[in-house]
């Protein structure tokens, strides 16, 4: 039988006694310089992005020792590798000799990594283990040398990393927080299969993408949801915990049953924003990860990952989830089209302020967390 997520002992997120909006949610304005200022982007790189846990890949992509993923974003290039003891290690993909990228692409079963320029060699944790003509260097230059480490951990079938290194961010589960771990953990993503991954390069700031998946206000206009869904969507609930947030969206006629059972995971669409760059779009039968990878102040790699449960021979499940994923690919393409429209107007003298309503409170909260980290 195909797994179906259920709330169990997780907190109530919808229905009687659960407010539609969190305390403090109210309309807000935001100066558009937060999306356009290159100096601010550089600060976000060092003070927000590099110092937060971010998803790198699926654990299944590096199953065996030496399997590795090269990840690149916001000016950084790193290698994440499965160690021989089964753990995960990461290091900056920069040769300590003269700054070339050590590993060009992801791969399987590497025993070591060698820079192609001068054949400096590195182990799975980024330690320099081979220097041709070592005697021509001072011992102080090369003894104990290593590429700076990246802190890595695994949860939910994902490999996560802090690019600024060990000890900079709280431990992963502490960073995610009890509420998010409990609520998102219900879905057992570690047991899901990666089915598809779509990628676009957009000429917008990374926060434009995150904003777009932090509200459902746009669904009636952009995605042409039914009148009933638009009405029921007004009863979506919004919450935040720490830097993260979620919303429960009762589309597809589930609202009456949701009010009866209070089981949001088995019925509703649940959005989980995992600060800073990820949003999980959780349908009861499959999940999408929407991920923004900043490339420059006005350039973002937008990724959509599709996860499904093991069908275990259930042809009806496979057919239904495949059809829904095909529909969702159209929906995501509509989001991409709007991001392109934002890009077209981003330098206009008329574009000065973003105005958010109270149901866009997750956007307001997200930007307040970014600002707090910049101010710290």
Protein backbone atom coordinates (compact mmCIF):
# COMPACT_ATOMS: atom_id res chain seq x y z
CA UNK A 1 0.00 0.00 0.00
CA UNK A 2 1.27 3.46 -0.92
CA UNK A 3 2.12 5.60 2.10
CA UNK A 4 -0.35 8.36 3.01
CA UNK A 5 0.83 11.10 5.42
CA UNK A 6 -1.40 11.79 8.42
CA UNK A 7 -1.18 14.40 11.18
CA UNK A 8 -1.01 11.94 14.07
CA UNK A 9 0.21 13.78 17.15
CA UNK A 10 1.47 16.80 15.23
CA UNK A 11 -0.07 20.17 16.19
CA UNK A 12 -3.35 21.36 14.71
CA UNK A 13 -2.78 23.78 11.83
CA UNK A 14 -6.34 24.39 10.63
CA UNK A 15 -9.86 24.62 12.00
CA UNK A 16 -11.49 25.77 15.21
CA UNK A 17 -9.09 27.55 17.53
CA UNK A 18 -6.42 27.99 14.86
CA UNK A 19 -6.20 31.61 13.62
CA UNK A 20 -6.02 32.20 9.89
CA UNK A 21 -3.13 34.60 10.38
CA UNK A 22 -0.35 34.57 13.00
CA UNK A 23 -0.16 37.26 15.62
CA UNK A 24 1.44 40.38 14.20
CA UNK A 25 0.41 39.72 10.59
CA UNK A 26 -0.49 42.99 8.93
CA UNK A 27 -0.04 44.80 5.60
CA UNK A 28 3.46 46.11 4.94
CA UNK A 29 5.55 47.99 2.38
CA UNK A 30 9.04 47.07 1.19
CA UNK A 31 11.48 49.27 -0.69
CA UNK A 32 12.55 47.54 -3.91
CA UNK A 33 16.21 48.23 -3.21
CA UNK A 34 16.23 44.94 -1.28
CA UNK A 35 15.94 43.20 -4.67
CA UNK A 36 18.19 45.51 -6.71
CA UNK A 37 21.12 46.66 -4.56
CA UNK A 38 24.33 44.75 -5.47
CA UNK A 39 26.04 45.76 -2.21
CA UNK A 40 23.14 44.32 -0.24
CA UNK A 41 23.38 41.10 -2.26
CA UNK A 42 27.03 40.73 -1.25
CA UNK A 43 26.02 41.11 2.40
CA UNK A 44 23.26 38.52 1.93
CA UNK A 45 25.83 36.10 0.52
CA UNK A 46 28.09 36.32 3.56
CA UNK A 47 25.65 37.01 6.41
CA UNK A 48 22.51 35.09 5.35
CA UNK A 49 23.14 32.48 2.67
CA UNK A 50 26.55 31.17 3.71
CA UNK A 51 25.57 31.09 7.39
CA UNK A 52 22.29 29.16 6.99
CA UNK A 53 21.59 25.49 6.35
CA UNK A 54 20.70 24.93 2.70
CA UNK A 55 19.67 21.85 0.74
CA UNK A 56 22.37 20.54 -1.58
CA UNK A 57 21.07 17.25 -2.99
CA UNK A 58 19.17 14.06 -2.20
CA UNK A 59 20.97 11.57 0.01
CA UNK A 60 20.27 8.96 -2.69
CA UNK A 61 22.52 10.90 -5.08
CA UNK A 62 25.58 10.05 -2.98
CA UNK A 63 24.82 6.55 -1.69
CA UNK A 64 28.26 4.90 -1.88
CA UNK A 65 31.70 6.02 -0.65
CA UNK A 66 33.24 8.50 -3.05
CA UNK A 67 29.94 9.46 -4.63
CA UNK A 68 29.94 13.24 -4.80
CA UNK A 69 27.92 16.26 -5.89
CA UNK A 70 29.40 19.54 -7.06
CA UNK A 71 27.05 22.34 -5.98
CA UNK A 72 27.43 25.94 -7.09
CA UNK A 73 25.54 29.05 -6.12
CA UNK A 74 25.91 32.67 -4.92
CA UNK A 75 29.55 32.72 -5.95
CA UNK A 76 30.48 29.51 -4.14
CA UNK A 77 31.47 26.08 -5.42
CA UNK A 78 31.55 23.10 -3.05
CA UNK A 79 31.95 19.32 -3.14
CA UNK A 80 29.77 17.12 -0.95
CA UNK A 81 30.93 13.50 -0.66
CA UNK A 82 29.86 10.23 0.96
CA UNK A 83 32.66 9.22 3.31
CA UNK A 84 33.83 5.66 3.76
CA UNK A 85 32.24 5.56 7.23
CA UNK A 86 28.82 6.40 5.71
CA UNK A 87 28.77 10.04 6.80
CA UNK A 88 28.79 13.09 4.58
CA UNK A 89 31.67 15.54 4.19
CA UNK A 90 31.90 18.80 2.29
CA UNK A 91 34.60 21.27 1.36
CA UNK A 92 35.02 24.32 -0.82
CA UNK A 93 35.83 23.27 -4.36
CA UNK A 94 38.86 25.54 -4.64
CA UNK A 95 42.43 24.33 -5.03
CA UNK A 96 44.67 25.72 -2.32
CA UNK A 97 47.51 26.06 -4.82
CA UNK A 98 46.25 28.73 -7.24
CA UNK A 99 42.48 28.81 -6.92
CA UNK A 100 41.22 26.56 -9.70
CA UNK A 101 38.07 24.50 -9.25
CA UNK A 102 39.17 21.03 -8.11
CA UNK A 103 36.19 18.93 -9.25
CA UNK A 104 34.40 19.87 -12.46
CA UNK A 105 31.24 17.77 -12.09
CA UNK A 106 29.36 15.34 -9.88
CA UNK A 107 30.34 11.68 -10.02
CA UNK A 108 30.49 8.26 -8.43
CA UNK A 109 33.07 6.29 -6.46
CA UNK A 110 35.97 8.73 -6.40
CA UNK A 111 38.86 7.58 -4.21
CA UNK A 112 40.36 11.07 -4.19
CA UNK A 113 40.07 14.35 -6.06
CA UNK A 114 42.84 15.89 -8.17
CA UNK A 115 43.06 19.42 -9.53
CA UNK A 116 43.73 19.12 -13.27
CA UNK A 117 46.04 22.14 -13.35
CA UNK A 118 49.00 20.85 -11.30
CA UNK A 119 47.62 17.56 -9.89
CA UNK A 120 47.29 18.66 -6.30
CA UNK A 121 45.28 15.87 -4.69
CA UNK A 122 42.58 15.96 -2.00
CA UNK A 123 40.80 13.34 0.11
CA UNK A 124 37.03 13.15 0.69
CA UNK A 125 37.19 15.82 3.39
CA UNK A 126 39.25 18.32 1.38
CA UNK A 127 42.61 17.63 2.98
CA UNK A 128 45.61 18.07 0.69
CA UNK A 129 47.18 14.60 0.40
CA UNK A 130 49.37 15.04 -2.66
CA UNK A 131 51.59 17.88 -3.91
CA UNK A 132 53.89 17.21 -6.88
CA UNK A 133 57.47 18.39 -6.19
CA UNK A 134 56.49 19.05 -2.60
CA UNK A 135 60.10 19.78 -1.68
CA UNK A 136 59.96 22.97 -3.75
CA UNK A 137 57.49 24.49 -1.28
CA UNK A 138 58.15 25.60 2.29
CA UNK A 139 56.76 23.09 4.76
CA UNK A 140 54.65 25.83 6.33
CA UNK A 141 52.92 26.35 2.99
CA UNK A 142 51.62 22.81 2.56
CA UNK A 143 51.77 20.88 5.84
CA UNK A 144 48.24 20.29 7.16
CA UNK A 145 46.74 22.26 4.28
CA UNK A 146 43.08 21.70 3.42
CA UNK A 147 40.32 23.37 1.49
CA UNK A 148 37.97 25.06 4.00
CA UNK A 149 35.32 22.63 5.25
CA UNK A 150 31.58 22.88 4.76
CA UNK A 151 29.36 21.61 7.59
CA UNK A 152 27.07 18.83 6.35
CA UNK A 153 24.19 16.81 7.76
CA UNK A 154 21.22 14.78 6.54
CA UNK A 155 17.52 14.94 7.29
CA UNK A 156 14.40 13.97 5.37
CA UNK A 157 16.41 12.25 2.65
CA UNK A 158 18.23 15.52 1.87
CA UNK A 159 21.87 16.54 2.28
CA UNK A 160 22.15 19.98 3.88
CA UNK A 161 25.18 22.24 4.24
CA UNK A 162 26.40 25.44 5.88
CA UNK A 163 28.92 26.95 3.51
CA UNK A 164 30.52 29.16 6.15
CA UNK A 165 31.72 26.02 7.91
CA UNK A 166 31.26 24.07 11.15
CA UNK A 167 29.84 25.81 14.21
CA UNK A 168 28.56 28.88 12.39
CA UNK A 169 24.87 27.85 12.41
CA UNK A 170 23.04 25.84 15.08
CA UNK A 171 22.88 22.06 14.52
CA UNK A 172 20.53 21.21 11.64
CA UNK A 173 17.58 19.94 13.69
CA UNK A 174 17.85 22.93 16.00
CA UNK A 175 17.95 25.27 12.99
CA UNK A 176 14.84 23.64 11.51
CA UNK A 177 13.06 23.67 14.88
CA UNK A 178 10.71 21.23 16.56
CA UNK A 179 7.56 22.48 14.81
CA UNK A 180 8.96 22.17 11.29
CA UNK A 181 10.69 18.85 11.96
CA UNK A 182 7.50 17.37 13.38
CA UNK A 183 5.13 18.75 10.76
CA UNK A 184 7.30 18.21 7.69
CA UNK A 185 8.65 14.95 9.06
CA UNK A 186 5.18 13.40 8.81
CA UNK A 187 5.72 13.07 5.05
CA UNK A 188 8.71 10.72 5.40
CA UNK A 189 10.60 12.34 2.57
CA UNK A 190 13.53 10.01 3.29
CA UNK A 191 11.43 7.20 1.79
CA UNK A 192 10.40 9.12 -1.32
CA UNK A 193 11.82 8.79 -4.83
CA UNK A 194 13.25 11.64 -6.88
CA UNK A 195 11.28 11.51 -10.12
CA UNK A 196 12.14 14.73 -11.91
CA UNK A 197 14.06 17.99 -11.60
CA UNK A 198 13.41 21.10 -13.67
CA UNK A 199 15.72 24.10 -13.82
CA UNK A 200 15.37 27.65 -15.12
CA UNK A 201 17.75 30.59 -15.02
CA UNK A 202 15.82 33.77 -14.26
CA UNK A 203 16.84 37.43 -14.41
CA UNK A 204 15.40 38.27 -11.01
CA UNK A 205 16.70 38.49 -7.46
CA UNK A 206 16.44 35.23 -5.50
CA UNK A 207 13.97 36.76 -3.05
CA UNK A 208 11.46 37.38 -5.85
CA UNK A 209 11.22 33.59 -6.28
CA UNK A 210 10.82 32.94 -2.57
CA UNK A 211 8.15 35.67 -2.36
CA UNK A 212 6.21 34.00 -5.15
CA UNK A 213 5.84 30.74 -3.23
CA UNK A 214 5.08 32.38 0.10
CA UNK A 215 1.45 33.24 -0.71
CA UNK A 216 -1.56 31.88 -2.59
CA UNK A 217 -3.05 35.32 -3.32
CA UNK A 218 -1.93 34.96 -6.95
CA UNK A 219 -3.62 31.61 -7.62
CA UNK A 220 -7.04 32.84 -8.85
CA UNK A 221 -5.52 35.32 -11.32
CA UNK A 222 -2.38 33.55 -12.51
CA UNK A 223 -3.31 29.87 -12.22
CA UNK A 224 -7.05 30.27 -12.86
CA UNK A 225 -8.08 28.08 -9.92
CA UNK A 226 -11.82 27.38 -9.75
CA UNK A 227 -14.21 29.78 -8.08
CA UNK A 228 -14.74 27.23 -5.30
CA UNK A 229 -10.99 26.90 -4.72
CA UNK A 230 -10.65 30.68 -4.67
CA UNK A 231 -13.38 30.84 -2.03
CA UNK A 232 -11.99 27.97 0.03
CA UNK A 233 -8.51 29.44 -0.32
CA UNK A 234 -9.66 32.39 1.75
CA UNK A 235 -9.67 29.94 4.67
CA UNK A 236 -6.00 29.06 4.25
CA UNK A 237 -4.05 29.31 7.48
CA UNK A 238 -0.62 30.89 7.81
CA UNK A 239 1.99 30.34 10.50
CA UNK A 240 5.65 30.86 11.16
CA UNK A 241 8.11 29.24 13.53
CA UNK A 242 11.50 30.84 13.92
CA UNK A 243 12.75 31.89 10.50
CA UNK A 244 10.52 29.37 8.73
CA UNK A 245 6.82 29.39 7.84
CA UNK A 246 3.94 27.37 6.49
CA UNK A 247 0.46 27.67 5.05
CA UNK A 248 -2.37 25.14 4.75
CA UNK A 249 -4.33 25.57 1.51
CA UNK A 250 -7.68 23.71 1.34
CA UNK A 251 -8.13 23.37 -2.43
CA UNK A 252 -9.88 20.61 -4.41
CA UNK A 253 -13.00 20.49 -2.25
CA UNK A 254 -11.27 19.21 0.89
CA UNK A 255 -12.38 22.03 3.19
CA UNK A 256 -15.46 20.32 4.73
CA UNK A 257 -13.53 17.14 5.50
CA UNK A 258 -10.54 19.14 6.74
CA UNK A 259 -12.78 20.94 9.23
CA UNK A 260 -14.09 17.58 10.37
CA UNK A 261 -10.85 15.59 10.68
CA UNK A 262 -8.31 18.42 11.22
CA UNK A 263 -5.79 16.24 9.31
CA UNK A 264 -4.11 18.82 7.11
CA UNK A 265 -1.33 16.54 5.87
CA UNK A 266 -3.65 13.90 4.41
CA UNK A 267 -6.00 16.39 2.74
CA UNK A 268 -4.68 19.88 2.06
CA UNK A 269 -1.78 21.39 0.16
CA UNK A 270 0.79 22.33 2.80
CA UNK A 271 3.51 24.83 1.96
CA UNK A 272 6.61 24.82 4.16
CA UNK A 273 9.11 27.65 3.71
CA UNK A 274 12.52 26.52 4.95
CA UNK A 275 14.63 29.64 5.33
CA UNK A 276 16.38 30.92 3.36
CA UNK A 277 16.02 29.38 -0.10
CA UNK A 278 13.56 26.47 -0.08
CA UNK A 279 9.79 25.97 -0.22
CA UNK A 280 8.19 22.53 -0.03
CA UNK A 281 4.84 22.22 -1.82
CA UNK A 282 3.35 19.16 -0.13
CA UNK A 283 0.43 17.43 -1.73
CA UNK A 284 -0.77 14.35 0.15
CA UNK A 285 0.47 12.05 -2.61
CA UNK A 286 3.66 13.80 -3.79
CA UNK A 287 5.91 16.76 -3.01
CA UNK A 288 7.68 19.49 -4.92
CA UNK A 289 10.71 21.35 -3.66
CA UNK A 290 10.90 24.87 -5.05
CA UNK A 291 14.44 26.09 -4.56
CA UNK A 292 16.01 29.46 -5.42
CA UNK A 293 19.78 29.42 -5.92
CA UNK A 294 21.11 32.99 -6.05
CA UNK A 295 23.66 33.59 -8.80
CA UNK A 296 23.89 37.40 -8.81
CA UNK A 297 21.82 40.29 -7.54
CA UNK A 298 19.52 39.94 -10.56
CA UNK A 299 20.06 36.31 -11.55
CA UNK A 300 18.66 33.15 -9.96
CA UNK A 301 18.68 29.45 -10.75
CA UNK A 302 15.17 28.23 -9.98
CA UNK A 303 14.77 24.50 -9.40
CA UNK A 304 11.66 22.35 -9.04
CA UNK A 305 12.20 18.84 -7.66
CA UNK A 306 9.44 16.22 -7.86
CA UNK A 307 9.28 13.53 -5.16
CA UNK A 308 6.84 10.62 -5.17
CA UNK A 309 6.19 7.65 -2.93
CA UNK A 310 7.13 4.14 -3.98
CA UNK A 311 4.04 3.04 -5.94
CA UNK A 312 4.57 -0.59 -4.88
CA UNK A 313 2.73 -1.74 -7.96
CA UNK A 314 -0.24 0.56 -7.43
CA UNK A 315 -1.04 1.55 -11.00
CA UNK A 316 -3.85 3.91 -9.97
CA UNK A 317 -1.55 5.87 -7.67
CA UNK A 318 1.14 6.09 -10.33
CA UNK A 319 -1.32 7.23 -12.98
CA UNK A 320 -2.93 9.87 -10.72
CA UNK A 321 0.32 11.30 -9.41
CA UNK A 322 1.86 11.39 -12.89
CA UNK A 323 -1.11 13.29 -14.29
CA UNK A 324 -1.02 15.75 -11.39
CA UNK A 325 2.70 16.33 -11.83
CA UNK A 326 2.12 17.09 -15.53
CA UNK A 327 -0.50 19.65 -14.49
CA UNK A 328 1.83 21.15 -11.89
CA UNK A 329 4.58 21.59 -14.47
CA UNK A 330 2.19 23.89 -16.32
CA UNK A 331 1.45 25.76 -13.08
CA UNK A 332 5.16 26.25 -12.38
CA UNK A 333 5.72 27.47 -15.94
CA UNK A 334 3.09 30.14 -15.25
CA UNK A 335 5.07 31.24 -12.20
CA UNK A 336 8.21 31.42 -14.33
CA UNK A 337 6.42 33.59 -16.87
CA UNK A 338 5.50 36.06 -14.11
CA UNK A 339 9.08 36.16 -12.85
CA UNK A 340 10.07 37.15 -16.38
CA UNK A 341 7.50 39.96 -16.24
CA UNK A 342 9.03 41.15 -12.96
CA UNK A 343 12.43 41.07 -14.64
CA UNK A 344 11.17 43.19 -17.53
CA UNK A 345 10.12 45.99 -15.15
CA UNK A 346 12.81 45.72 -12.50
CA UNK A 347 14.78 48.80 -13.62
CA UNK A 348 11.75 51.00 -14.27
CA UNK A 349 11.75 54.35 -12.46
CA UNK A 350 8.11 53.62 -11.56
CA UNK A 351 9.05 50.53 -9.55
CA UNK A 352 9.82 51.76 -6.05
CA UNK A 353 7.76 49.78 -3.52
CA UNK A 354 6.25 46.35 -2.97
CA UNK A 355 2.94 46.45 -1.10
CA UNK A 356 1.96 43.31 0.78
CA UNK A 357 -1.45 42.55 2.26
CA UNK A 358 -1.94 40.76 5.57
CA UNK A 359 -2.39 37.38 3.82
CA UNK A 360 1.08 37.89 2.34
CA UNK A 361 2.42 37.88 5.88
CA UNK A 362 4.86 35.05 5.21
CA UNK A 363 6.63 37.32 2.74
CA UNK A 364 6.82 40.10 5.32
CA UNK A 365 8.17 37.65 7.91
CA UNK A 366 10.75 36.25 5.48
CA UNK A 367 12.13 39.70 4.70
CA UNK A 368 12.21 40.65 8.37
CA UNK A 369 14.37 37.57 9.10
CA UNK A 370 16.75 38.45 6.26
CA UNK A 371 17.04 41.98 7.63
CA UNK A 372 17.65 40.74 11.17
CA UNK A 373 20.56 38.61 9.96
CA UNK A 374 22.01 41.53 8.00
CA UNK A 375 21.75 43.78 11.05
CA UNK A 376 23.28 41.25 13.44
